[in-house]
Amino acid sequence: MKKSLLIIAFGVAVGYVLGARAGRERYDALVEKANGVWQDPRVAKARREAARYAREQAPVIAERAQAAAKDVVDRTATLAKDVTEKTATAARTAADKTVTVARDARDRTVTAAADVAGRVGKARDNALEDFDDDEPAAN
């Protein structure tokens, strides 16, 4: 909460300085006030305590960051394994369907070829019969 309040106060101050018509005098007054706050013993004490706390918490934060990074690596590995398995399954399914379609096409081609061969044979027989009917009888 204090951090967000400080950020808001800084934003308001910057906005005021940039938008104010008072010019350089008002800017100098704001800088002087900011320096006064920065040099205030209570603020200096808070800065020292914040720095000390940061040094104390650095190992904890580093440990948490390492644990989070390990968790991300583990999750990524699991996801990659799942994607690999799903891709392999999809490839096998596609291969099976391709084989089925190829066999069906082969069967249809064989059936069509047999049908065509039968029709050609009948047409040949009919043509030969017609040819035999047209020839004069040999005596």
Protein backbone atom coordinates (compact mmCIF):
# COMPACT_ATOMS: atom_id res chain seq x y z
CA MET A 1 0.00 0.00 0.00
CA LYS A 2 2.78 2.43 0.94
CA LYS A 3 4.63 1.67 -2.29
CA SER A 4 1.60 2.44 -4.43
CA LEU A 5 0.95 5.64 -2.45
CA LEU A 6 4.54 6.75 -3.05
CA ILE A 7 4.23 6.02 -6.79
CA ILE A 8 0.97 7.95 -6.98
CA ALA A 9 2.49 10.90 -5.11
CA PHE A 10 5.49 10.91 -7.46
CA GLY A 11 3.19 10.78 -10.49
CA VAL A 12 1.11 13.67 -9.16
CA ALA A 13 4.25 15.72 -8.49
CA VAL A 14 5.65 15.09 -11.97
CA GLY A 15 2.29 15.88 -13.53
CA TYR A 16 2.01 19.08 -11.55
CA VAL A 17 5.50 20.25 -12.49
CA LEU A 18 4.98 19.46 -16.15
CA GLY A 19 1.52 21.03 -16.24
CA ALA A 20 2.07 24.02 -13.95
CA ARG A 21 2.41 27.54 -15.30
CA ALA A 22 4.45 28.62 -12.28
CA GLY A 23 7.61 27.66 -14.15
CA ARG A 24 11.08 27.35 -12.73
CA GLU A 25 10.30 28.82 -9.29
CA ARG A 26 7.67 26.20 -8.56
CA TYR A 27 9.94 23.46 -9.89
CA ASP A 28 12.78 24.59 -7.63
CA ALA A 29 10.42 24.69 -4.66
CA LEU A 30 9.27 21.14 -5.38
CA VAL A 31 12.86 19.92 -5.75
CA GLU A 32 13.78 21.55 -2.47
CA LYS A 33 10.80 19.94 -0.74
CA ALA A 34 11.66 16.53 -2.24
CA ASN A 35 15.27 16.85 -1.08
CA GLY A 36 14.06 17.81 2.37
CA VAL A 37 11.85 14.72 2.51
CA TRP A 38 14.69 12.55 1.22
CA GLN A 39 17.05 13.88 3.91
CA ASP A 40 14.45 13.54 6.68
CA PRO A 41 15.82 11.20 9.39
CA ARG A 42 12.65 9.09 9.31
CA VAL A 43 12.99 8.59 5.55
CA ALA A 44 16.71 7.82 5.86
CA LYS A 45 15.89 5.25 8.56
CA ALA A 46 13.20 3.71 6.32
CA ARG A 47 15.71 3.52 3.45
CA ARG A 48 18.25 1.75 5.64
CA GLU A 49 15.61 -0.69 6.92
CA ALA A 50 14.42 -1.37 3.38
CA ALA A 51 17.99 -2.07 2.24
CA ARG A 52 18.59 -4.36 5.23
CA TYR A 53 15.33 -6.21 4.61
CA ALA A 54 16.21 -6.61 0.92
CA ARG A 55 19.62 -8.10 1.85
CA GLU A 56 17.95 -10.50 4.29
CA GLN A 57 15.29 -11.55 1.82
CA ALA A 58 17.61 -11.95 -1.19
CA PRO A 59 18.38 -15.65 -0.46
CA VAL A 60 14.68 -16.39 0.09
CA ILE A 61 13.74 -14.63 -3.13
CA ALA A 62 16.53 -16.43 -5.01
CA GLU A 63 15.32 -19.78 -3.65
CA ARG A 64 11.74 -19.03 -4.67
CA ALA A 65 12.89 -17.92 -8.12
CA GLN A 66 14.85 -21.16 -8.56
CA ALA A 67 11.84 -23.21 -7.46
CA ALA A 68 9.59 -21.31 -9.86
CA ALA A 69 12.07 -21.79 -12.71
CA LYS A 70 12.28 -25.53 -11.96
CA ASP A 71 8.49 -25.73 -11.92
CA VAL A 72 8.34 -24.00 -15.31
CA VAL A 73 10.91 -26.44 -16.71
CA ASP A 74 8.96 -29.42 -15.34
CA ARG A 75 5.67 -28.14 -16.73
CA THR A 76 7.27 -27.43 -20.11
CA ALA A 77 8.75 -30.93 -20.25
CA THR A 78 5.38 -32.48 -19.37
CA LEU A 79 3.62 -30.37 -21.98
CA ALA A 80 6.23 -31.27 -24.61
CA LYS A 81 5.78 -34.98 -23.80
CA ASP A 82 1.98 -34.66 -24.10
CA VAL A 83 2.28 -32.83 -27.42
CA THR A 84 4.69 -35.48 -28.71
CA GLU A 85 2.31 -38.28 -27.75
CA LYS A 86 -0.67 -36.53 -29.32
CA THR A 87 1.31 -35.84 -32.49
CA ALA A 88 2.41 -39.48 -32.72
CA THR A 89 -1.19 -40.63 -32.21
CA ALA A 90 -2.42 -38.24 -34.89
CA ALA A 91 0.31 -39.45 -37.28
CA ARG A 92 -0.64 -43.10 -36.67
CA THR A 93 -4.31 -42.30 -37.22
CA ALA A 94 -3.50 -40.46 -40.45
CA ALA A 95 -1.33 -43.35 -41.64
CA ASP A 96 -4.10 -45.85 -40.85
CA LYS A 97 -6.65 -43.77 -42.72
CA THR A 98 -4.28 -43.41 -45.67
CA VAL A 99 -3.81 -47.18 -45.83
CA THR A 100 -7.59 -47.70 -45.65
CA VAL A 101 -8.23 -45.18 -48.44
CA ALA A 102 -5.46 -46.70 -50.58
CA ARG A 103 -6.85 -50.23 -50.11
CA ASP A 104 -10.35 -49.03 -50.93
CA ALA A 105 -9.06 -47.28 -54.06
CA ARG A 106 -7.16 -50.44 -55.08
CA ASP A 107 -10.25 -52.61 -54.56
CA ARG A 108 -12.40 -50.23 -56.58
CA THR A 109 -9.79 -50.12 -59.33
CA VAL A 110 -9.63 -53.92 -59.49
CA THR A 111 -13.45 -54.14 -59.57
CA ALA A 112 -13.66 -51.47 -62.27
CA ALA A 113 -10.93 -53.17 -64.33
CA ALA A 114 -12.73 -56.52 -64.09
CA ASP A 115 -16.00 -54.87 -65.11
CA VAL A 116 -14.32 -53.15 -68.07
CA ALA A 117 -12.63 -56.40 -69.09
CA GLY A 118 -15.99 -58.20 -68.95
CA ARG A 119 -17.68 -55.53 -71.05
CA VAL A 120 -14.84 -55.51 -73.56
CA GLY A 121 -15.09 -59.30 -73.81
CA LYS A 122 -18.86 -59.13 -74.42
CA ALA A 123 -18.38 -56.38 -76.98
CA ARG A 124 -15.74 -58.49 -78.74
CA ASP A 125 -18.03 -61.54 -78.72
CA ASN A 126 -20.92 -59.47 -80.09
CA ALA A 127 -18.66 -58.00 -82.77
CA LEU A 128 -17.48 -61.48 -83.76
CA GLU A 129 -21.06 -62.74 -83.91
CA ASP A 130 -22.03 -59.81 -86.11
CA PHE A 131 -18.98 -60.47 -88.29
CA ASP A 132 -19.86 -64.16 -88.61
CA ASP A 133 -23.46 -63.27 -89.55
CA ASP A 134 -22.28 -60.92 -92.30
CA GLU A 135 -20.02 -63.45 -94.08
CA PRO A 136 -21.55 -65.52 -96.84
CA ALA A 137 -21.73 -69.21 -96.12
CA ALA A 138 -18.97 -71.18 -97.74
CA ASN A 139 -20.26 -74.22 -99.74
